[in-house]
Every structure is written in C-alpha cells, then in structure tokens.
Amino acid sequence: MAPITPFHIAFPVDDLAAARQFYGEFLGCAEGRSSDEWIDFDLFGHQIVAHLAPKQAEDTHHNPVDGHAVPVPHFGVVLEWERFQAFADRLKAAGVKFVIEPYVRFQGQVGEQATMFFLDPAGNALEFKAFRDMGQLFAK
C-alpha cells in the first residue's frame, strides 16, 4: 500500500462559532487558516474545512450495514485500534449523543472493525473506525 497522505474535505455548516467550538474545543482539532466564511481544522493530520452555508432541507438517507442504519453522507478517519478506543471513551465521558454507539462491526468476518457515528452541530455525520489489522482496510 502506498504511503497515506492527508485528505482534504470541505463541508457545510450553518454556524462557524458552533463549528469552532465542536471541532476545535470538543474534538481537539487544531485550527488553521480561517475567514468570516470558513475555518480549516486538523483532524488527525487531515485538512477539513467548515464552510458557512445556508441550512439545506433535511434529506437524511441511511443505508443498512451490519444491522445499523448508516447515515449518508458521512466522513471521518480510520484510527489505530488503541487511539480509537481512547477517543471513543473520551466522547462517551463527554456525553456525545451517538447515531451508532461504538461497537465492533463484522465480528469474526473479513473487514472486522470498530466503528462509531455521531453528528456535528450542523448535522454532518462523522464516522471514526479502527482495524486491529490495518491489512483488512480494503479486504474483500
């Protein structure tokens, strides 16, 4: 597998102050450049950008995965197993309302992974996951 390079994603938020508090203070993402209409954050080494955008109609879609309704769209990061566990514990202690509580998906199968989903203040779905064996990331 080629070395991993940081990804970039821009996503809409309806309140930059709430995004700054959630991503910066709550999730602990360092803030980069910003303006009156966007903020760069460092999400585990990846560049995510919250862009101020008008609230759009709620058209939430879910796909069934391993017995759970997975929100679409969503984004997140694949973490090391121990880092995922510590992050999940911190979020639970902080009272995060999970869309899907942290659990191990596809237990005993190809692609077994820990996963969790929650929403930011603008309603964007985030997924964080981990593999005990990173070789399973793209396994069929």
N, C-alpha and C. Protein backbone atom coordinates (compact mmCIF):
# COMPACT_ATOMS: atom_id res chain seq x y z
N MET A 1 0.85 -1.17 0.00
CA MET A 1 0.00 0.00 0.00
C MET A 1 0.89 1.24 0.00
N ALA A 2 0.51 2.23 -0.77
CA ALA A 2 1.25 3.49 -0.85
C ALA A 2 1.14 4.24 0.47
N PRO A 3 2.14 5.08 0.76
CA PRO A 3 2.05 5.87 2.00
C PRO A 3 0.78 6.74 1.99
N ILE A 4 0.18 6.87 3.14
CA ILE A 4 -1.04 7.66 3.27
C ILE A 4 -0.68 9.14 3.31
N THR A 5 -1.36 9.92 2.50
CA THR A 5 -1.19 11.37 2.53
C THR A 5 -2.48 11.98 3.08
N PRO A 6 -2.41 13.18 3.62
CA PRO A 6 -3.62 13.79 4.19
C PRO A 6 -4.70 14.02 3.13
N PHE A 7 -5.93 13.76 3.51
CA PHE A 7 -7.03 14.10 2.62
C PHE A 7 -7.54 15.49 2.96
N HIS A 8 -8.32 16.06 2.05
CA HIS A 8 -8.95 17.36 2.24
C HIS A 8 -10.44 17.19 1.97
N ILE A 9 -11.26 17.72 2.85
CA ILE A 9 -12.70 17.72 2.61
C ILE A 9 -13.26 19.04 3.10
N ALA A 10 -14.16 19.62 2.32
CA ALA A 10 -14.87 20.83 2.69
C ALA A 10 -16.33 20.43 2.89
N PHE A 11 -16.96 20.96 3.92
CA PHE A 11 -18.33 20.57 4.24
C PHE A 11 -19.09 21.78 4.77
N PRO A 12 -20.42 21.78 4.61
CA PRO A 12 -21.21 22.93 5.02
C PRO A 12 -21.54 22.93 6.51
N VAL A 13 -21.53 24.12 7.10
CA VAL A 13 -22.01 24.34 8.46
C VAL A 13 -22.86 25.60 8.44
N ASP A 14 -23.80 25.70 9.36
CA ASP A 14 -24.66 26.88 9.39
C ASP A 14 -24.28 27.86 10.49
N ASP A 15 -23.22 27.53 11.26
CA ASP A 15 -22.79 28.39 12.37
C ASP A 15 -21.29 28.16 12.59
N LEU A 16 -20.45 29.11 12.19
CA LEU A 16 -19.00 28.94 12.33
C LEU A 16 -18.56 28.90 13.79
N ALA A 17 -19.21 29.66 14.66
CA ALA A 17 -18.85 29.63 16.08
C ALA A 17 -19.12 28.25 16.67
N ALA A 18 -20.24 27.65 16.31
CA ALA A 18 -20.56 26.30 16.79
C ALA A 18 -19.57 25.28 16.22
N ALA A 19 -19.18 25.45 14.94
CA ALA A 19 -18.20 24.55 14.33
C ALA A 19 -16.85 24.69 15.04
N ARG A 20 -16.46 25.91 15.32
CA ARG A 20 -15.18 26.17 16.01
C ARG A 20 -15.18 25.51 17.40
N GLN A 21 -16.28 25.62 18.11
CA GLN A 21 -16.38 25.02 19.44
C GLN A 21 -16.35 23.49 19.34
N PHE A 22 -17.12 22.92 18.39
CA PHE A 22 -17.22 21.47 18.27
C PHE A 22 -15.91 20.85 17.79
N TYR A 23 -15.41 21.31 16.64
CA TYR A 23 -14.20 20.70 16.08
C TYR A 23 -12.95 21.13 16.84
N GLY A 24 -12.87 22.41 17.19
CA GLY A 24 -11.68 22.91 17.87
C GLY A 24 -11.60 22.53 19.33
N GLU A 25 -12.61 22.91 20.09
CA GLU A 25 -12.57 22.68 21.54
C GLU A 25 -12.98 21.26 21.91
N PHE A 26 -14.11 20.78 21.37
CA PHE A 26 -14.63 19.48 21.79
C PHE A 26 -13.81 18.32 21.23
N LEU A 27 -13.61 18.31 19.89
CA LEU A 27 -12.84 17.21 19.29
C LEU A 27 -11.33 17.42 19.40
N GLY A 28 -10.90 18.65 19.72
CA GLY A 28 -9.48 18.92 19.90
C GLY A 28 -8.70 19.09 18.61
N CYS A 29 -9.37 19.51 17.53
CA CYS A 29 -8.70 19.73 16.25
C CYS A 29 -8.04 21.11 16.27
N ALA A 30 -6.75 21.15 15.96
CA ALA A 30 -6.07 22.45 15.86
C ALA A 30 -6.66 23.24 14.71
N GLU A 31 -6.79 24.55 14.92
CA GLU A 31 -7.34 25.42 13.88
C GLU A 31 -6.22 25.96 13.01
N GLY A 32 -6.44 25.99 11.71
CA GLY A 32 -5.50 26.58 10.76
C GLY A 32 -6.00 27.94 10.31
N ARG A 33 -5.92 28.17 9.03
CA ARG A 33 -6.40 29.44 8.47
C ARG A 33 -7.91 29.53 8.62
N SER A 34 -8.41 30.77 8.58
CA SER A 34 -9.86 30.96 8.63
C SER A 34 -10.22 32.32 8.04
N SER A 35 -11.50 32.49 7.79
CA SER A 35 -12.03 33.78 7.34
C SER A 35 -13.41 33.92 7.98
N ASP A 36 -14.16 34.89 7.55
CA ASP A 36 -15.52 35.05 8.06
C ASP A 36 -16.47 34.00 7.48
N GLU A 37 -15.98 33.19 6.51
CA GLU A 37 -16.84 32.22 5.85
C GLU A 37 -16.35 30.78 5.91
N TRP A 38 -15.15 30.53 6.46
CA TRP A 38 -14.64 29.16 6.55
C TRP A 38 -13.56 29.05 7.62
N ILE A 39 -13.33 27.81 8.08
CA ILE A 39 -12.29 27.51 9.07
C ILE A 39 -11.63 26.19 8.69
N ASP A 40 -10.30 26.19 8.61
CA ASP A 40 -9.52 24.95 8.44
C ASP A 40 -9.30 24.31 9.80
N PHE A 41 -9.41 22.98 9.85
CA PHE A 41 -9.09 22.23 11.07
C PHE A 41 -8.18 21.06 10.72
N ASP A 42 -7.37 20.65 11.67
CA ASP A 42 -6.51 19.48 11.56
C ASP A 42 -7.20 18.33 12.27
N LEU A 43 -7.78 17.41 11.50
CA LEU A 43 -8.48 16.24 12.05
C LEU A 43 -7.57 15.03 11.90
N PHE A 44 -6.82 14.72 12.95
CA PHE A 44 -5.88 13.60 12.94
C PHE A 44 -4.94 13.67 11.74
N GLY A 45 -4.45 14.88 11.43
CA GLY A 45 -3.49 15.06 10.34
C GLY A 45 -4.12 15.32 8.99
N HIS A 46 -5.43 15.39 8.92
CA HIS A 46 -6.13 15.65 7.66
C HIS A 46 -6.76 17.03 7.70
N GLN A 47 -6.85 17.67 6.53
CA GLN A 47 -7.38 19.03 6.45
C GLN A 47 -8.88 18.98 6.16
N ILE A 48 -9.66 19.41 7.14
CA ILE A 48 -11.10 19.54 6.94
C ILE A 48 -11.44 21.02 7.03
N VAL A 49 -12.40 21.45 6.22
CA VAL A 49 -12.73 22.87 6.16
C VAL A 49 -14.24 23.04 6.32
N ALA A 50 -14.63 23.72 7.40
CA ALA A 50 -16.03 24.04 7.64
C ALA A 50 -16.34 25.33 6.88
N HIS A 51 -17.25 25.25 5.91
CA HIS A 51 -17.65 26.40 5.11
C HIS A 51 -19.06 26.83 5.52
N LEU A 52 -19.21 28.11 5.79
CA LEU A 52 -20.52 28.65 6.13
C LEU A 52 -21.44 28.51 4.92
N ALA A 53 -22.58 27.88 5.12
CA ALA A 53 -23.54 27.66 4.04
C ALA A 53 -24.94 27.70 4.63
N PRO A 54 -25.90 28.19 3.87
CA PRO A 54 -27.27 28.21 4.39
C PRO A 54 -27.76 26.80 4.70
N LYS A 55 -28.60 26.70 5.69
CA LYS A 55 -29.18 25.40 6.07
C LYS A 55 -29.94 24.84 4.88
N GLN A 56 -29.70 23.58 4.59
CA GLN A 56 -30.39 22.93 3.48
C GLN A 56 -31.49 22.05 4.03
N ALA A 57 -32.42 21.70 3.17
CA ALA A 57 -33.51 20.83 3.60
C ALA A 57 -32.95 19.52 4.13
N GLU A 58 -33.53 19.04 5.19
CA GLU A 58 -33.09 17.78 5.79
C GLU A 58 -33.56 16.61 4.93
N ASP A 59 -32.66 16.03 4.18
CA ASP A 59 -32.96 14.87 3.35
C ASP A 59 -32.00 13.77 3.78
N THR A 60 -32.22 13.26 4.97
CA THR A 60 -31.31 12.27 5.54
C THR A 60 -31.55 10.91 4.90
N HIS A 61 -30.46 10.30 4.48
CA HIS A 61 -30.53 8.96 3.89
C HIS A 61 -29.69 8.02 4.76
N HIS A 62 -30.12 6.80 4.86
CA HIS A 62 -29.40 5.78 5.62
C HIS A 62 -29.32 4.51 4.78
N ASN A 63 -28.19 3.82 4.88
CA ASN A 63 -28.03 2.51 4.26
C ASN A 63 -27.81 1.48 5.36
N PRO A 64 -28.40 0.28 5.22
CA PRO A 64 -28.19 -0.75 6.23
C PRO A 64 -26.79 -1.36 6.11
N VAL A 65 -26.06 -1.38 7.22
CA VAL A 65 -24.74 -2.01 7.28
C VAL A 65 -24.65 -2.74 8.61
N ASP A 66 -24.49 -4.04 8.57
CA ASP A 66 -24.30 -4.86 9.77
C ASP A 66 -25.40 -4.59 10.80
N GLY A 67 -26.63 -4.45 10.35
CA GLY A 67 -27.76 -4.28 11.26
C GLY A 67 -27.96 -2.86 11.79
N HIS A 68 -27.23 -1.88 11.26
CA HIS A 68 -27.36 -0.49 11.69
C HIS A 68 -27.71 0.38 10.49
N ALA A 69 -28.41 1.49 10.75
CA ALA A 69 -28.75 2.46 9.71
C ALA A 69 -27.63 3.50 9.64
N VAL A 70 -26.76 3.37 8.65
CA VAL A 70 -25.60 4.24 8.49
C VAL A 70 -26.01 5.51 7.73
N PRO A 71 -25.75 6.69 8.33
CA PRO A 71 -26.12 7.94 7.66
C PRO A 71 -25.23 8.22 6.45
N VAL A 72 -25.86 8.69 5.36
CA VAL A 72 -25.15 9.04 4.13
C VAL A 72 -25.58 10.45 3.76
N PRO A 73 -24.62 11.35 3.50
CA PRO A 73 -23.16 11.16 3.50
C PRO A 73 -22.59 11.20 4.92
N HIS A 74 -21.33 10.79 5.02
CA HIS A 74 -20.56 10.93 6.26
C HIS A 74 -19.08 10.94 5.91
N PHE A 75 -18.26 11.40 6.86
CA PHE A 75 -16.81 11.36 6.68
C PHE A 75 -16.17 11.13 8.04
N GLY A 76 -14.90 10.78 8.03
CA GLY A 76 -14.19 10.53 9.28
C GLY A 76 -12.79 10.03 9.01
N VAL A 77 -12.22 9.37 10.00
CA VAL A 77 -10.83 8.93 9.92
C VAL A 77 -10.73 7.50 10.45
N VAL A 78 -9.87 6.70 9.82
CA VAL A 78 -9.52 5.38 10.33
C VAL A 78 -8.35 5.58 11.29
N LEU A 79 -8.56 5.21 12.54
CA LEU A 79 -7.55 5.39 13.60
C LEU A 79 -6.91 4.06 13.96
N GLU A 80 -5.77 4.13 14.66
CA GLU A 80 -5.20 2.94 15.24
C GLU A 80 -6.16 2.44 16.32
N TRP A 81 -6.17 1.11 16.56
CA TRP A 81 -7.13 0.49 17.47
C TRP A 81 -7.15 1.16 18.85
N GLU A 82 -5.98 1.33 19.46
CA GLU A 82 -5.92 1.91 20.81
C GLU A 82 -6.37 3.38 20.81
N ARG A 83 -6.00 4.11 19.76
CA ARG A 83 -6.40 5.52 19.67
C ARG A 83 -7.91 5.64 19.51
N PHE A 84 -8.50 4.72 18.72
CA PHE A 84 -9.97 4.70 18.58
C PHE A 84 -10.62 4.48 19.94
N GLN A 85 -10.12 3.49 20.68
CA GLN A 85 -10.73 3.17 21.98
C GLN A 85 -10.65 4.37 22.93
N ALA A 86 -9.51 5.03 22.98
CA ALA A 86 -9.34 6.20 23.86
C ALA A 86 -10.25 7.34 23.41
N PHE A 87 -10.37 7.55 22.09
CA PHE A 87 -11.23 8.60 21.55
C PHE A 87 -12.69 8.30 21.88
N ALA A 88 -13.11 7.06 21.68
CA ALA A 88 -14.49 6.66 21.99
C ALA A 88 -14.78 6.85 23.48
N ASP A 89 -13.85 6.47 24.33
CA ASP A 89 -14.03 6.64 25.78
C ASP A 89 -14.18 8.12 26.14
N ARG A 90 -13.37 8.98 25.50
CA ARG A 90 -13.45 10.41 25.77
C ARG A 90 -14.79 10.98 25.33
N LEU A 91 -15.27 10.55 24.16
CA LEU A 91 -16.56 11.03 23.67
C LEU A 91 -17.71 10.56 24.56
N LYS A 92 -17.66 9.30 24.99
CA LYS A 92 -18.70 8.78 25.89
C LYS A 92 -18.71 9.57 27.19
N ALA A 93 -17.52 9.82 27.76
CA ALA A 93 -17.43 10.57 29.03
C ALA A 93 -17.95 11.99 28.88
N ALA A 94 -17.84 12.54 27.67
CA ALA A 94 -18.30 13.90 27.42
C ALA A 94 -19.80 13.94 27.10
N GLY A 95 -20.44 12.78 27.01
CA GLY A 95 -21.87 12.73 26.78
C GLY A 95 -22.31 12.88 25.34
N VAL A 96 -21.45 12.49 24.40
CA VAL A 96 -21.82 12.57 22.99
C VAL A 96 -23.05 11.71 22.74
N LYS A 97 -23.97 12.26 21.95
CA LYS A 97 -25.14 11.50 21.52
C LYS A 97 -24.75 10.81 20.22
N PHE A 98 -24.56 9.51 20.28
CA PHE A 98 -24.13 8.75 19.11
C PHE A 98 -25.31 8.40 18.22
N VAL A 99 -25.08 8.45 16.90
CA VAL A 99 -26.05 7.91 15.94
C VAL A 99 -25.91 6.39 15.98
N ILE A 100 -24.67 5.91 16.02
CA ILE A 100 -24.35 4.50 16.22
C ILE A 100 -23.26 4.45 17.28
N GLU A 101 -23.58 3.84 18.42
CA GLU A 101 -22.64 3.73 19.54
C GLU A 101 -21.39 2.96 19.09
N PRO A 102 -20.24 3.23 19.70
CA PRO A 102 -19.03 2.47 19.36
C PRO A 102 -19.27 0.96 19.56
N TYR A 103 -18.91 0.19 18.54
CA TYR A 103 -19.03 -1.26 18.61
C TYR A 103 -18.13 -1.88 17.55
N VAL A 104 -17.97 -3.20 17.58
CA VAL A 104 -17.17 -3.91 16.58
C VAL A 104 -18.11 -4.48 15.53
N ARG A 105 -17.92 -4.02 14.30
CA ARG A 105 -18.75 -4.40 13.16
C ARG A 105 -18.09 -5.58 12.45
N PHE A 106 -18.89 -6.44 11.86
CA PHE A 106 -18.43 -7.60 11.09
C PHE A 106 -17.55 -8.52 11.94
N GLN A 107 -17.95 -8.73 13.20
CA GLN A 107 -17.14 -9.56 14.11
C GLN A 107 -16.88 -10.93 13.51
N GLY A 108 -15.60 -11.33 13.54
CA GLY A 108 -15.18 -12.63 13.05
C GLY A 108 -15.21 -12.77 11.54
N GLN A 109 -15.45 -11.67 10.82
CA GLN A 109 -15.52 -11.71 9.36
C GLN A 109 -14.39 -10.87 8.75
N VAL A 110 -14.24 -10.99 7.44
CA VAL A 110 -13.30 -10.13 6.73
C VAL A 110 -13.74 -8.69 6.94
N GLY A 111 -12.81 -7.81 7.23
CA GLY A 111 -13.13 -6.40 7.42
C GLY A 111 -13.61 -6.05 8.81
N GLU A 112 -13.41 -6.95 9.79
CA GLU A 112 -13.83 -6.64 11.17
C GLU A 112 -13.23 -5.31 11.59
N GLN A 113 -14.06 -4.44 12.19
CA GLN A 113 -13.63 -3.10 12.53
C GLN A 113 -14.45 -2.53 13.67
N ALA A 114 -13.84 -1.66 14.44
CA ALA A 114 -14.57 -0.87 15.43
C ALA A 114 -15.07 0.37 14.70
N THR A 115 -16.27 0.82 15.04
CA THR A 115 -16.84 1.99 14.38
C THR A 115 -17.76 2.75 15.33
N MET A 116 -17.97 4.01 15.03
CA MET A 116 -18.95 4.84 15.76
C MET A 116 -19.33 6.00 14.85
N PHE A 117 -20.55 6.47 15.03
CA PHE A 117 -21.08 7.61 14.26
C PHE A 117 -21.68 8.62 15.22
N PHE A 118 -21.48 9.90 14.94
CA PHE A 118 -22.14 10.98 15.66
C PHE A 118 -22.24 12.18 14.72
N LEU A 119 -23.02 13.19 15.13
CA LEU A 119 -23.26 14.36 14.29
C LEU A 119 -22.56 15.58 14.86
N ASP A 120 -22.15 16.49 13.96
CA ASP A 120 -21.66 17.79 14.42
C ASP A 120 -22.87 18.71 14.61
N PRO A 121 -22.67 19.93 15.12
CA PRO A 121 -23.82 20.81 15.37
C PRO A 121 -24.64 21.16 14.12
N ALA A 122 -24.04 21.07 12.93
CA ALA A 122 -24.76 21.37 11.69
C ALA A 122 -25.47 20.14 11.14
N GLY A 123 -25.32 18.99 11.81
CA GLY A 123 -25.97 17.76 11.36
C GLY A 123 -25.14 16.92 10.42
N ASN A 124 -23.85 17.27 10.21
CA ASN A 124 -22.96 16.44 9.38
C ASN A 124 -22.61 15.18 10.16
N ALA A 125 -22.73 14.04 9.51
CA ALA A 125 -22.42 12.76 10.15
C ALA A 125 -20.92 12.47 10.04
N LEU A 126 -20.33 12.04 11.17
CA LEU A 126 -18.93 11.66 11.22
C LEU A 126 -18.83 10.20 11.64
N GLU A 127 -17.93 9.46 10.97
CA GLU A 127 -17.65 8.08 11.35
C GLU A 127 -16.16 7.98 11.65
N PHE A 128 -15.85 7.37 12.77
CA PHE A 128 -14.48 7.03 13.10
C PHE A 128 -14.44 5.52 13.24
N LYS A 129 -13.38 4.91 12.70
CA LYS A 129 -13.28 3.46 12.75
C LYS A 129 -11.84 3.05 12.98
N ALA A 130 -11.66 1.77 13.28
CA ALA A 130 -10.32 1.21 13.52
C ALA A 130 -10.33 -0.27 13.17
N PHE A 131 -9.18 -0.75 12.75
CA PHE A 131 -8.98 -2.17 12.46
C PHE A 131 -7.85 -2.67 13.35
N ARG A 132 -8.03 -3.84 13.95
CA ARG A 132 -6.90 -4.44 14.67
C ARG A 132 -5.79 -4.76 13.68
N ASP A 133 -6.19 -5.16 12.47
CA ASP A 133 -5.27 -5.48 11.38
C ASP A 133 -5.56 -4.51 10.24
N MET A 134 -4.70 -3.48 10.06
CA MET A 134 -4.93 -2.49 9.02
C MET A 134 -4.93 -3.11 7.62
N GLY A 135 -4.41 -4.32 7.48
CA GLY A 135 -4.47 -5.04 6.20
C GLY A 135 -5.90 -5.37 5.80
N GLN A 136 -6.84 -5.26 6.73
CA GLN A 136 -8.24 -5.54 6.45
C GLN A 136 -8.99 -4.33 5.88
N LEU A 137 -8.33 -3.16 5.83
CA LEU A 137 -8.98 -1.93 5.39
C LEU A 137 -9.72 -2.10 4.05
N PHE A 138 -9.10 -2.74 3.08
CA PHE A 138 -9.72 -2.92 1.77
C PHE A 138 -9.96 -4.40 1.45
N ALA A 139 -9.92 -5.27 2.47
CA ALA A 139 -10.11 -6.70 2.23
C ALA A 139 -11.51 -6.99 1.73
N LYS A 140 -11.61 -7.98 0.84
CA LYS A 140 -12.92 -8.38 0.28
C LYS A 140 -13.41 -9.63 0.96
